[in-house]
C-alpha cells in the first residue's frame, strides 16, 4: 500500500509520465475502435441514455485532449475530497 500511496502522491506533485499517459491513451483508443463487438455498442447505448455520454462522437476527442496537467488536477481534486477507500483482496483458499 505504501507504494500505491507514494505513486499517487508523485502523480499529484509531478503529474503522470508523458510516455505512460501516451500508452494509456493509445490503449483507450484501441479498445474504442473495437466497434464490431456487441458489448461495445451495449455500453455506448447505456452511457448515452443513462449518463448522457455520446461515446460515438465524444470519446476520441475526449481521450485525445487528456493532458498530464488535467490528470494531475483531477487526481488532486479526488484525493483532496478525502473520499479514498483502500480495498485489499485476498485469495480464497
N, C-alpha and C. Protein backbone atom coordinates (compact mmCIF):
# COMPACT_ATOMS: atom_id res chain seq x y z
N UNK A 1 0.82 -1.19 0.00
CA UNK A 1 0.00 0.00 0.00
C UNK A 1 0.87 1.26 0.00
N UNK A 2 2.04 1.16 0.63
CA UNK A 2 2.92 2.33 0.66
C UNK A 2 3.33 2.75 -0.75
N UNK A 3 3.58 1.76 -1.61
CA UNK A 3 3.99 2.06 -2.99
C UNK A 3 2.86 2.78 -3.72
N UNK A 4 1.65 2.31 -3.53
CA UNK A 4 0.49 2.93 -4.20
C UNK A 4 0.32 4.37 -3.74
N UNK A 5 0.38 4.59 -2.43
CA UNK A 5 0.24 5.94 -1.90
C UNK A 5 1.37 6.85 -2.40
N UNK A 6 2.56 6.28 -2.47
CA UNK A 6 3.71 7.04 -2.96
C UNK A 6 3.52 7.45 -4.42
N UNK A 7 3.03 6.52 -5.24
CA UNK A 7 2.79 6.82 -6.66
C UNK A 7 1.69 7.87 -6.83
N UNK A 8 0.65 7.77 -6.04
CA UNK A 8 -0.43 8.77 -6.11
C UNK A 8 0.12 10.14 -5.73
N UNK A 9 0.89 10.20 -4.67
CA UNK A 9 1.49 11.46 -4.24
C UNK A 9 2.41 12.03 -5.31
N UNK A 10 3.17 11.14 -5.94
CA UNK A 10 4.07 11.56 -7.03
C UNK A 10 3.28 12.14 -8.20
N UNK A 11 2.16 11.48 -8.56
CA UNK A 11 1.35 11.99 -9.67
C UNK A 11 0.69 13.32 -9.32
N UNK A 12 0.30 13.49 -8.06
CA UNK A 12 -0.30 14.76 -7.64
C UNK A 12 0.74 15.88 -7.73
N UNK A 13 1.97 15.58 -7.33
CA UNK A 13 3.02 16.59 -7.32
C UNK A 13 3.64 16.83 -8.69
N UNK A 14 3.80 15.77 -9.48
CA UNK A 14 4.55 15.89 -10.74
C UNK A 14 3.74 15.54 -11.98
N UNK A 15 2.55 15.02 -11.82
CA UNK A 15 1.77 14.58 -12.97
C UNK A 15 2.26 13.23 -13.46
N UNK A 16 1.51 12.61 -14.36
CA UNK A 16 1.93 11.32 -14.90
C UNK A 16 3.11 11.49 -15.86
N UNK A 17 3.88 10.44 -16.04
CA UNK A 17 4.96 10.48 -17.02
C UNK A 17 4.33 10.55 -18.41
N UNK A 18 4.92 11.34 -19.28
CA UNK A 18 4.37 11.55 -20.62
C UNK A 18 4.23 10.23 -21.38
N UNK A 19 5.24 9.36 -21.28
CA UNK A 19 5.17 8.09 -22.01
C UNK A 19 4.08 7.18 -21.45
N UNK A 20 3.85 7.22 -20.13
CA UNK A 20 2.78 6.41 -19.54
C UNK A 20 1.42 6.91 -19.98
N UNK A 21 1.24 8.22 -19.98
CA UNK A 21 -0.03 8.79 -20.42
C UNK A 21 -0.29 8.46 -21.88
N UNK A 22 0.73 8.52 -22.71
CA UNK A 22 0.57 8.19 -24.13
C UNK A 22 0.16 6.74 -24.32
N UNK A 23 0.77 5.83 -23.55
CA UNK A 23 0.41 4.41 -23.65
C UNK A 23 -1.04 4.18 -23.23
N UNK A 24 -1.48 4.86 -22.19
CA UNK A 24 -2.86 4.72 -21.72
C UNK A 24 -3.82 5.23 -22.79
N UNK A 25 -3.51 6.38 -23.37
CA UNK A 25 -4.38 6.94 -24.40
C UNK A 25 -4.45 6.01 -25.61
N UNK A 26 -3.31 5.47 -26.02
CA UNK A 26 -3.29 4.53 -27.15
C UNK A 26 -4.14 3.31 -26.86
N UNK A 27 -4.04 2.79 -25.64
CA UNK A 27 -4.82 1.61 -25.26
C UNK A 27 -6.32 1.93 -25.23
N UNK A 28 -6.67 3.10 -24.70
CA UNK A 28 -8.08 3.51 -24.67
C UNK A 28 -8.65 3.63 -26.08
N UNK A 29 -7.88 4.20 -26.99
CA UNK A 29 -8.35 4.34 -28.37
C UNK A 29 -8.41 3.00 -29.09
N UNK A 30 -7.49 2.12 -28.77
CA UNK A 30 -7.50 0.79 -29.38
C UNK A 30 -8.77 0.03 -28.97
N UNK A 31 -9.10 0.10 -27.69
CA UNK A 31 -10.33 -0.55 -27.22
C UNK A 31 -11.56 0.09 -27.82
N UNK A 32 -11.51 1.40 -28.00
CA UNK A 32 -12.64 2.14 -28.57
C UNK A 32 -12.95 1.67 -29.98
N UNK A 33 -11.93 1.35 -30.73
CA UNK A 33 -12.13 1.01 -32.13
C UNK A 33 -12.64 -0.41 -32.34
N UNK A 34 -12.96 -1.10 -31.27
CA UNK A 34 -13.49 -2.46 -31.38
C UNK A 34 -15.00 -2.40 -31.57
N UNK A 35 -15.42 -1.71 -32.63
CA UNK A 35 -16.84 -1.43 -32.86
C UNK A 35 -17.64 -2.63 -33.33
N UNK A 36 -16.99 -3.75 -33.60
CA UNK A 36 -17.72 -4.93 -34.07
C UNK A 36 -18.27 -5.75 -32.91
N UNK A 37 -17.93 -5.39 -31.70
CA UNK A 37 -18.37 -6.14 -30.53
C UNK A 37 -19.71 -5.62 -30.02
N UNK A 38 -20.64 -6.52 -29.81
CA UNK A 38 -21.95 -6.12 -29.29
C UNK A 38 -21.82 -5.46 -27.92
N UNK A 39 -20.88 -5.95 -27.11
CA UNK A 39 -20.68 -5.40 -25.77
C UNK A 39 -20.33 -3.90 -25.85
N UNK A 40 -19.54 -3.51 -26.86
CA UNK A 40 -19.18 -2.11 -27.01
C UNK A 40 -20.43 -1.27 -27.28
N UNK A 41 -21.26 -1.74 -28.20
CA UNK A 41 -22.47 -1.00 -28.54
C UNK A 41 -23.44 -0.95 -27.37
N UNK A 42 -23.54 -2.05 -26.63
CA UNK A 42 -24.39 -2.07 -25.45
C UNK A 42 -23.94 -1.00 -24.45
N UNK A 43 -22.64 -0.92 -24.23
CA UNK A 43 -22.09 0.08 -23.33
C UNK A 43 -22.32 1.49 -23.85
N UNK A 44 -22.15 1.69 -25.15
CA UNK A 44 -22.36 3.02 -25.75
C UNK A 44 -23.80 3.48 -25.60
N UNK A 45 -24.74 2.59 -25.84
CA UNK A 45 -26.16 2.94 -25.71
C UNK A 45 -26.52 3.23 -24.26
N UNK A 46 -26.02 2.38 -23.36
CA UNK A 46 -26.28 2.58 -21.92
C UNK A 46 -25.73 3.92 -21.46
N UNK A 47 -24.51 4.25 -21.85
CA UNK A 47 -23.90 5.52 -21.45
C UNK A 47 -24.66 6.70 -22.02
N UNK A 48 -25.16 6.56 -23.23
CA UNK A 48 -25.90 7.66 -23.85
C UNK A 48 -27.21 7.94 -23.10
N UNK A 49 -27.96 6.89 -22.80
CA UNK A 49 -29.26 7.09 -22.17
C UNK A 49 -29.20 7.36 -20.68
N UNK A 50 -28.26 6.75 -19.98
CA UNK A 50 -28.21 6.94 -18.53
C UNK A 50 -27.27 8.06 -18.09
N UNK A 51 -26.19 8.28 -18.83
CA UNK A 51 -25.19 9.27 -18.41
C UNK A 51 -25.05 10.45 -19.36
N UNK A 52 -25.80 10.43 -20.45
CA UNK A 52 -25.71 11.47 -21.48
C UNK A 52 -24.30 11.60 -22.05
N UNK A 53 -23.59 10.48 -22.13
CA UNK A 53 -22.26 10.44 -22.74
C UNK A 53 -22.39 9.88 -24.15
N UNK A 54 -21.96 10.62 -25.13
CA UNK A 54 -22.02 10.17 -26.51
C UNK A 54 -20.65 9.60 -26.90
N UNK A 55 -20.49 8.29 -26.71
CA UNK A 55 -19.21 7.65 -26.99
C UNK A 55 -18.88 7.65 -28.47
N UNK A 56 -19.87 7.73 -29.33
CA UNK A 56 -19.61 7.70 -30.76
C UNK A 56 -18.92 8.98 -31.22
N UNK A 57 -19.42 10.12 -30.75
CA UNK A 57 -18.88 11.40 -31.21
C UNK A 57 -17.86 12.02 -30.26
N UNK A 58 -17.98 11.73 -28.97
CA UNK A 58 -17.18 12.46 -27.99
C UNK A 58 -16.00 11.70 -27.41
N UNK A 59 -15.95 10.39 -27.56
CA UNK A 59 -14.92 9.60 -26.89
C UNK A 59 -13.52 9.93 -27.40
N UNK A 60 -13.32 9.82 -28.70
CA UNK A 60 -11.98 10.06 -29.27
C UNK A 60 -11.45 11.47 -28.93
N UNK A 61 -12.24 12.53 -29.16
CA UNK A 61 -11.73 13.86 -28.80
C UNK A 61 -11.44 14.00 -27.30
N UNK A 62 -12.24 13.34 -26.47
CA UNK A 62 -12.01 13.41 -25.02
C UNK A 62 -10.69 12.75 -24.64
N UNK A 63 -10.43 11.57 -25.20
CA UNK A 63 -9.18 10.87 -24.90
C UNK A 63 -7.99 11.66 -25.43
N UNK A 64 -8.11 12.16 -26.65
CA UNK A 64 -7.00 12.90 -27.25
C UNK A 64 -6.70 14.20 -26.51
N UNK A 65 -7.69 14.75 -25.83
CA UNK A 65 -7.48 16.02 -25.13
C UNK A 65 -6.89 15.83 -23.73
N UNK A 66 -6.79 14.58 -23.27
CA UNK A 66 -6.19 14.34 -21.96
C UNK A 66 -4.74 14.82 -21.94
N UNK A 67 -4.40 15.54 -20.88
CA UNK A 67 -3.03 16.01 -20.70
C UNK A 67 -2.55 15.59 -19.33
N UNK A 68 -1.26 15.62 -19.15
CA UNK A 68 -0.70 15.32 -17.84
C UNK A 68 -1.25 16.27 -16.79
N UNK A 69 -1.42 17.53 -17.15
CA UNK A 69 -1.94 18.52 -16.22
C UNK A 69 -3.39 18.23 -15.84
N UNK A 70 -4.20 17.82 -16.81
CA UNK A 70 -5.61 17.54 -16.49
C UNK A 70 -5.73 16.30 -15.61
N UNK A 71 -4.91 15.29 -15.85
CA UNK A 71 -4.91 14.09 -15.00
C UNK A 71 -4.45 14.47 -13.60
N UNK A 72 -3.40 15.25 -13.51
CA UNK A 72 -2.85 15.67 -12.22
C UNK A 72 -3.90 16.46 -11.43
N UNK A 73 -4.56 17.40 -12.08
CA UNK A 73 -5.56 18.24 -11.43
C UNK A 73 -6.75 17.41 -10.94
N UNK A 74 -7.21 16.48 -11.77
CA UNK A 74 -8.35 15.64 -11.41
C UNK A 74 -8.00 14.72 -10.24
N UNK A 75 -6.83 14.09 -10.29
CA UNK A 75 -6.41 13.21 -9.20
C UNK A 75 -6.31 14.00 -7.89
N UNK A 76 -5.75 15.19 -7.95
CA UNK A 76 -5.63 16.02 -6.75
C UNK A 76 -7.00 16.36 -6.19
N UNK A 77 -7.95 16.70 -7.05
CA UNK A 77 -9.30 17.02 -6.60
C UNK A 77 -9.96 15.82 -5.93
N UNK A 78 -9.76 14.64 -6.48
CA UNK A 78 -10.35 13.43 -5.90
C UNK A 78 -9.75 13.15 -4.53
N UNK A 79 -8.43 13.20 -4.43
CA UNK A 79 -7.75 12.92 -3.16
C UNK A 79 -8.08 13.99 -2.12
N UNK A 80 -8.16 15.24 -2.53
CA UNK A 80 -8.47 16.33 -1.59
C UNK A 80 -9.87 16.20 -0.99
N UNK A 81 -10.78 15.50 -1.67
CA UNK A 81 -12.13 15.30 -1.14
C UNK A 81 -12.10 14.37 0.07
N UNK A 82 -11.08 13.54 0.15
CA UNK A 82 -10.99 12.59 1.25
C UNK A 82 -11.83 11.35 1.05
N UNK A 83 -12.40 11.20 -0.13
CA UNK A 83 -13.21 10.03 -0.43
C UNK A 83 -12.35 8.92 -1.02
N UNK A 84 -11.41 8.45 -0.22
CA UNK A 84 -10.49 7.43 -0.69
C UNK A 84 -10.73 6.18 0.15
N UNK A 85 -10.84 5.04 -0.53
CA UNK A 85 -11.08 3.79 0.16
C UNK A 85 -10.01 2.80 -0.26
N UNK A 86 -9.44 2.11 0.70
CA UNK A 86 -8.46 1.08 0.41
C UNK A 86 -9.15 -0.28 0.46
N UNK A 87 -9.00 -1.04 -0.60
CA UNK A 87 -9.57 -2.37 -0.65
C UNK A 87 -8.45 -3.33 -0.97
N UNK A 88 -8.26 -4.32 -0.11
CA UNK A 88 -7.24 -5.33 -0.32
C UNK A 88 -7.95 -6.66 -0.50
N UNK A 89 -7.72 -7.28 -1.63
CA UNK A 89 -8.36 -8.56 -1.91
C UNK A 89 -7.38 -9.68 -1.63
N UNK A 90 -7.84 -10.68 -0.95
CA UNK A 90 -7.00 -11.83 -0.64
C UNK A 90 -7.59 -13.05 -1.32
N UNK A 91 -6.75 -13.93 -1.81
CA UNK A 91 -7.26 -15.12 -2.49
C UNK A 91 -7.98 -16.05 -1.50
N UNK A 92 -8.97 -16.73 -2.02
CA UNK A 92 -9.71 -17.70 -1.21
C UNK A 92 -8.96 -19.02 -1.28
N UNK A 93 -8.79 -19.64 -0.14
CA UNK A 93 -8.08 -20.93 -0.11
C UNK A 93 -9.04 -22.07 -0.07
